[in-house]
């Protein structure tokens, strides 16, 4: 290796990523919108980044990601997160890193949408979101068949997350 070359400067591992504010498209999903900012293809699997808008009342189940670190940067609103039994509210400007294997759940318990950047390391979890976008195109959350179809998606993407149960803000 040449003397002035850093061992981690191999640019063949990821593409240069530049994003204009109007690209990529904002896509609808069951409880808000999503933009795919950096995908597995862009980063050669190193990480992925999505911008998610969660509507008031949305929350995930309590879950963990066995092989993925997940981080949140709150752009707008307040994100409520339960991590290892502790519940905290994170306003705009907050950052949360949840290491792989850590039980957590997040949601919007406010009255306005919450907009967050989510980074998954390594990447691939964004495929679950892509399938949610496709599901929303054909079946809406108020449809009787929606829950079964959503649970099928969870089974399809089970390697990405382990569902541990439900949680509430007052528990």
C-alpha atoms as a PDB file:
ATOM      1  CA  UNK A   1       0.000   0.000   0.000  1.00  0.00           C
ATOM      2  CA  UNK A   2       1.410   3.448  -0.845  1.00  0.00           C
ATOM      3  CA  UNK A   3       2.505   5.481   2.158  1.00  0.00           C
ATOM      4  CA  UNK A   4      -0.152   8.198   1.833  1.00  0.00           C
ATOM      5  CA  UNK A   5      -3.104   5.865   1.237  1.00  0.00           C
ATOM      6  CA  UNK A   6      -5.418   5.110   4.142  1.00  0.00           C
ATOM      7  CA  UNK A   7      -6.405   1.409   4.441  1.00  0.00           C
ATOM      8  CA  UNK A   8     -10.111   2.327   4.504  1.00  0.00           C
ATOM      9  CA  UNK A   9     -10.024   4.623   1.471  1.00  0.00           C
ATOM     10  CA  UNK A  10     -11.165   1.947  -0.999  1.00  0.00           C
ATOM     11  CA  UNK A  11     -13.919   3.801  -2.868  1.00  0.00           C
ATOM     12  CA  UNK A  12     -15.035   0.655  -4.659  1.00  0.00           C
ATOM     13  CA  UNK A  13     -17.011  -0.368  -1.562  1.00  0.00           C
ATOM     14  CA  UNK A  14     -19.772   2.240  -1.933  1.00  0.00           C
ATOM     15  CA  UNK A  15     -21.095   4.614  -4.535  1.00  0.00           C
ATOM     16  CA  UNK A  16     -20.982   8.359  -4.123  1.00  0.00           C
ATOM     17  CA  UNK A  17     -24.470   9.332  -3.001  1.00  0.00           C
ATOM     18  CA  UNK A  18     -25.879  12.806  -3.579  1.00  0.00           C
ATOM     19  CA  UNK A  19     -29.533  13.592  -3.078  1.00  0.00           C
ATOM     20  CA  UNK A  20     -31.499  16.578  -4.269  1.00  0.00           C
ATOM     21  CA  UNK A  21     -34.337  17.573  -1.955  1.00  0.00           C
ATOM     22  CA  UNK A  22     -36.977  16.506  -4.491  1.00  0.00           C
ATOM     23  CA  UNK A  23     -35.366  13.141  -5.298  1.00  0.00           C
ATOM     24  CA  UNK A  24     -36.115  10.369  -4.477  1.00  0.00           C
ATOM     25  CA  UNK A  25     -39.861  10.263  -4.547  1.00  0.00           C
ATOM     26  CA  UNK A  26     -41.928  10.370  -1.406  1.00  0.00           C
ATOM     27  CA  UNK A  27     -43.846   7.077  -1.268  1.00  0.00           C
ATOM     28  CA  UNK A  28     -46.957   6.349   0.782  1.00  0.00           C
ATOM     29  CA  UNK A  29     -47.098   3.477   3.203  1.00  0.00           C
ATOM     30  CA  UNK A  30     -49.561   2.349   5.837  1.00  0.00           C
ATOM     31  CA  UNK A  31     -48.935   4.998   8.497  1.00  0.00           C
ATOM     32  CA  UNK A  32     -47.112   7.799   6.694  1.00  0.00           C
ATOM     33  CA  UNK A  33     -44.528   8.273   3.964  1.00  0.00           C
ATOM     34  CA  UNK A  34     -41.002   7.118   3.162  1.00  0.00           C
ATOM     35  CA  UNK A  35     -38.087   8.199   0.987  1.00  0.00           C
ATOM     36  CA  UNK A  36     -35.262   5.753   0.261  1.00  0.00           C
ATOM     37  CA  UNK A  37     -32.108   7.858   0.532  1.00  0.00           C
ATOM     38  CA  UNK A  38     -29.305   5.267   0.553  1.00  0.00           C
ATOM     39  CA  UNK A  39     -30.004   1.633  -0.256  1.00  0.00           C
ATOM     40  CA  UNK A  40     -28.109  -1.648  -0.160  1.00  0.00           C
ATOM     41  CA  UNK A  41     -27.224  -1.154  -3.817  1.00  0.00           C
ATOM     42  CA  UNK A  42     -25.829   2.323  -3.154  1.00  0.00           C
ATOM     43  CA  UNK A  43     -23.654   1.272  -0.211  1.00  0.00           C
ATOM     44  CA  UNK A  44     -22.720  -2.263  -1.280  1.00  0.00           C
ATOM     45  CA  UNK A  45     -24.595  -3.510   1.788  1.00  0.00           C
ATOM     46  CA  UNK A  46     -22.779  -1.374   4.354  1.00  0.00           C
ATOM     47  CA  UNK A  47     -25.816   0.644   5.492  1.00  0.00           C
ATOM     48  CA  UNK A  48     -29.137   2.078   4.353  1.00  0.00           C
ATOM     49  CA  UNK A  49     -30.906   5.348   5.149  1.00  0.00           C
ATOM     50  CA  UNK A  50     -34.601   6.138   4.869  1.00  0.00           C
ATOM     51  CA  UNK A  51     -36.582   9.243   5.725  1.00  0.00           C
ATOM     52  CA  UNK A  52     -39.817   8.233   7.388  1.00  0.00           C
ATOM     53  CA  UNK A  53     -42.816  10.380   8.270  1.00  0.00           C
ATOM     54  CA  UNK A  54     -44.939   8.753  10.960  1.00  0.00           C
ATOM     55  CA  UNK A  55     -48.437  10.034  11.575  1.00  0.00           C
ATOM     56  CA  UNK A  56     -49.817  10.627  15.092  1.00  0.00           C
ATOM     57  CA  UNK A  57     -50.893   7.370  16.714  1.00  0.00           C
ATOM     58  CA  UNK A  58     -48.365   5.181  14.895  1.00  0.00           C
ATOM     59  CA  UNK A  59     -46.125   2.905  16.912  1.00  0.00           C
ATOM     60  CA  UNK A  60     -44.115  -0.206  16.243  1.00  0.00           C
ATOM     61  CA  UNK A  61     -44.389  -3.312  18.379  1.00  0.00           C
ATOM     62  CA  UNK A  62     -41.650  -3.945  20.896  1.00  0.00           C
ATOM     63  CA  UNK A  63     -38.960  -5.668  18.821  1.00  0.00           C
ATOM     64  CA  UNK A  64     -35.265  -6.151  18.234  1.00  0.00           C
ATOM     65  CA  UNK A  65     -33.007  -6.453  15.211  1.00  0.00           C
ATOM     66  CA  UNK A  66     -30.661  -9.420  15.778  1.00  0.00           C
ATOM     67  CA  UNK A  67     -28.024  -8.418  13.205  1.00  0.00           C
ATOM     68  CA  UNK A  68     -28.644  -4.718  12.545  1.00  0.00           C
ATOM     69  CA  UNK A  69     -27.865  -1.495  14.385  1.00  0.00           C
ATOM     70  CA  UNK A  70     -30.594   1.116  13.978  1.00  0.00           C
ATOM     71  CA  UNK A  71     -30.284   4.848  14.511  1.00  0.00           C
ATOM     72  CA  UNK A  72     -32.820   7.652  14.417  1.00  0.00           C
ATOM     73  CA  UNK A  73     -32.335  11.358  13.820  1.00  0.00           C
ATOM     74  CA  UNK A  74     -35.496  13.333  14.567  1.00  0.00           C
ATOM     75  CA  UNK A  75     -36.099  16.034  11.950  1.00  0.00           C
ATOM     76  CA  UNK A  76     -39.594  17.167  13.011  1.00  0.00           C
ATOM     77  CA  UNK A  77     -42.000  16.368  15.801  1.00  0.00           C
ATOM     78  CA  UNK A  78     -41.292  14.179  18.801  1.00  0.00           C
ATOM     79  CA  UNK A  79     -40.326  10.518  18.605  1.00  0.00           C
ATOM     80  CA  UNK A  80     -41.140   8.399  21.643  1.00  0.00           C
ATOM     81  CA  UNK A  81     -38.813   5.421  22.075  1.00  0.00           C
ATOM     82  CA  UNK A  82     -38.855   2.550  24.537  1.00  0.00           C
ATOM     83  CA  UNK A  83     -35.372   1.063  24.944  1.00  0.00           C
ATOM     84  CA  UNK A  84     -34.647  -1.683  27.472  1.00  0.00           C
ATOM     85  CA  UNK A  85     -37.786  -0.823  29.438  1.00  0.00           C
ATOM     86  CA  UNK A  86     -37.183   2.958  29.562  1.00  0.00           C
ATOM     87  CA  UNK A  87     -39.471   5.333  27.657  1.00  0.00           C
ATOM     88  CA  UNK A  88     -38.189   8.742  26.543  1.00  0.00           C
ATOM     89  CA  UNK A  89     -39.404  11.489  24.226  1.00  0.00           C
ATOM     90  CA  UNK A  90     -36.944  12.834  21.659  1.00  0.00           C
ATOM     91  CA  UNK A  91     -37.737  16.199  20.007  1.00  0.00           C
ATOM     92  CA  UNK A  92     -36.376  17.474  16.692  1.00  0.00           C
ATOM     93  CA  UNK A  93     -32.574  17.479  16.677  1.00  0.00           C
ATOM     94  CA  UNK A  94     -32.310  14.310  18.794  1.00  0.00           C
ATOM     95  CA  UNK A  95     -30.244  11.270  17.818  1.00  0.00           C
ATOM     96  CA  UNK A  96     -30.735   7.709  19.084  1.00  0.00           C
ATOM     97  CA  UNK A  97     -28.514   4.693  18.352  1.00  0.00           C
ATOM     98  CA  UNK A  98     -29.964   1.286  19.132  1.00  0.00           C
ATOM     99  CA  UNK A  99     -27.350  -1.484  18.913  1.00  0.00           C
ATOM    100  CA  UNK A 100     -28.343  -4.826  17.399  1.00  0.00           C
ATOM    101  CA  UNK A 101     -30.132  -7.127  19.809  1.00  0.00           C
ATOM    102  CA  UNK A 102     -31.546  -4.264  21.912  1.00  0.00           C
ATOM    103  CA  UNK A 103     -35.303  -4.483  22.634  1.00  0.00           C
ATOM    104  CA  UNK A 104     -37.058  -1.294  21.545  1.00  0.00           C
ATOM    105  CA  UNK A 105     -40.191   0.226  20.103  1.00  0.00           C
ATOM    106  CA  UNK A 106     -40.860   3.673  18.722  1.00  0.00           C
ATOM    107  CA  UNK A 107     -43.860   5.746  17.881  1.00  0.00           C
ATOM    108  CA  UNK A 108     -45.555   9.078  17.487  1.00  0.00           C
ATOM    109  CA  UNK A 109     -47.746   9.798  20.507  1.00  0.00           C
ATOM    110  CA  UNK A 110     -48.078  13.487  19.604  1.00  0.00           C
ATOM    111  CA  UNK A 111     -50.575  15.431  17.543  1.00  0.00           C
ATOM    112  CA  UNK A 112     -48.350  16.277  14.547  1.00  0.00           C
ATOM    113  CA  UNK A 113     -46.371  14.036  12.187  1.00  0.00           C
ATOM    114  CA  UNK A 114     -42.891  12.963  13.209  1.00  0.00           C
ATOM    115  CA  UNK A 115     -40.222  12.947  10.505  1.00  0.00           C
ATOM    116  CA  UNK A 116     -37.092  10.896  11.143  1.00  0.00           C
ATOM    117  CA  UNK A 117     -34.002   9.635   9.370  1.00  0.00           C
ATOM    118  CA  UNK A 118     -33.379   5.963  10.074  1.00  0.00           C
ATOM    119  CA  UNK A 119     -30.026   4.332   9.386  1.00  0.00           C
ATOM    120  CA  UNK A 120     -29.624   0.552   9.396  1.00  0.00           C
ATOM    121  CA  UNK A 121     -26.150  -0.960   9.615  1.00  0.00           C
ATOM    122  CA  UNK A 122     -25.629  -3.141   7.678  1.00  0.00           C
ATOM    123  CA  UNK A 123     -28.279  -2.513   5.044  1.00  0.00           C
ATOM    124  CA  UNK A 124     -31.145  -4.618   3.625  1.00  0.00           C
ATOM    125  CA  UNK A 125     -33.898  -3.859   6.164  1.00  0.00           C
ATOM    126  CA  UNK A 126     -35.246  -1.276   3.733  1.00  0.00           C
ATOM    127  CA  UNK A 127     -36.726  -4.200   1.770  1.00  0.00           C
ATOM    128  CA  UNK A 128     -39.350  -4.554   4.512  1.00  0.00           C
ATOM    129  CA  UNK A 129     -40.326  -0.904   3.915  1.00  0.00           C
ATOM    130  CA  UNK A 130     -40.445  -1.440   0.133  1.00  0.00           C
ATOM    131  CA  UNK A 131     -42.898  -4.297   0.640  1.00  0.00           C
ATOM    132  CA  UNK A 132     -45.009  -2.110   2.937  1.00  0.00           C
ATOM    133  CA  UNK A 133     -45.205   0.498   0.178  1.00  0.00           C
ATOM    134  CA  UNK A 134     -46.374  -2.185  -2.271  1.00  0.00           C
ATOM    135  CA  UNK A 135     -48.923  -3.558   0.208  1.00  0.00           C
ATOM    136  CA  UNK A 136     -50.364  -0.078   0.754  1.00  0.00           C
ATOM    137  CA  UNK A 137     -50.929   0.267  -2.998  1.00  0.00           C
ATOM    138  CA  UNK A 138     -53.308  -2.696  -2.937  1.00  0.00           C
ATOM    139  CA  UNK A 139     -54.712  -2.943   0.614  1.00  0.00           C
ATOM    140  CA  UNK A 140     -55.398  -0.084   3.031  1.00  0.00           C
ATOM    141  CA  UNK A 141     -54.987  -0.385   6.834  1.00  0.00           C
ATOM    142  CA  UNK A 142     -58.743  -0.138   7.427  1.00  0.00           C
ATOM    143  CA  UNK A 143     -59.400  -3.180   5.211  1.00  0.00           C
ATOM    144  CA  UNK A 144     -60.335  -6.443   6.996  1.00  0.00           C
ATOM    145  CA  UNK A 145     -57.554  -8.280   5.140  1.00  0.00           C
ATOM    146  CA  UNK A 146     -54.826  -5.757   5.963  1.00  0.00           C
ATOM    147  CA  UNK A 147     -53.660  -7.273   9.271  1.00  0.00           C
ATOM    148  CA  UNK A 148     -53.208 -10.733   7.743  1.00  0.00           C
ATOM    149  CA  UNK A 149     -51.300  -9.316   4.765  1.00  0.00           C
ATOM    150  CA  UNK A 150     -49.083  -7.196   7.040  1.00  0.00           C
ATOM    151  CA  UNK A 151     -48.339 -10.240   9.216  1.00  0.00           C
ATOM    152  CA  UNK A 152     -47.338 -12.132   6.056  1.00  0.00           C
ATOM    153  CA  UNK A 153     -44.826  -9.358   5.359  1.00  0.00           C
ATOM    154  CA  UNK A 154     -43.458  -9.662   8.884  1.00  0.00           C
ATOM    155  CA  UNK A 155     -42.967 -13.408   8.352  1.00  0.00           C
ATOM    156  CA  UNK A 156     -41.280 -12.813   4.997  1.00  0.00           C
ATOM    157  CA  UNK A 157     -38.839 -10.384   6.651  1.00  0.00           C
ATOM    158  CA  UNK A 158     -38.486 -12.227   9.968  1.00  0.00           C
ATOM    159  CA  UNK A 159     -34.691 -12.319   9.714  1.00  0.00           C
ATOM    160  CA  UNK A 160     -34.649  -8.526  10.139  1.00  0.00           C
ATOM    161  CA  UNK A 161     -36.629  -8.273  13.349  1.00  0.00           C
ATOM    162  CA  UNK A 162     -37.939 -10.316  16.233  1.00  0.00           C
ATOM    163  CA  UNK A 163     -41.310  -9.136  17.548  1.00  0.00           C
ATOM    164  CA  UNK A 164     -41.387  -9.201  21.363  1.00  0.00           C
ATOM    165  CA  UNK A 165     -44.892  -7.875  22.045  1.00  0.00           C
ATOM    166  CA  UNK A 166     -46.745  -4.622  22.517  1.00  0.00           C
ATOM    167  CA  UNK A 167     -45.961  -1.596  24.647  1.00  0.00           C
ATOM    168  CA  UNK A 168     -47.659   1.586  25.769  1.00  0.00           C
ATOM    169  CA  UNK A 169     -46.316   4.992  26.726  1.00  0.00           C
ATOM    170  CA  UNK A 170     -47.557   4.674  30.325  1.00  0.00           C
ATOM    171  CA  UNK A 171     -45.883   1.323  30.993  1.00  0.00           C
END
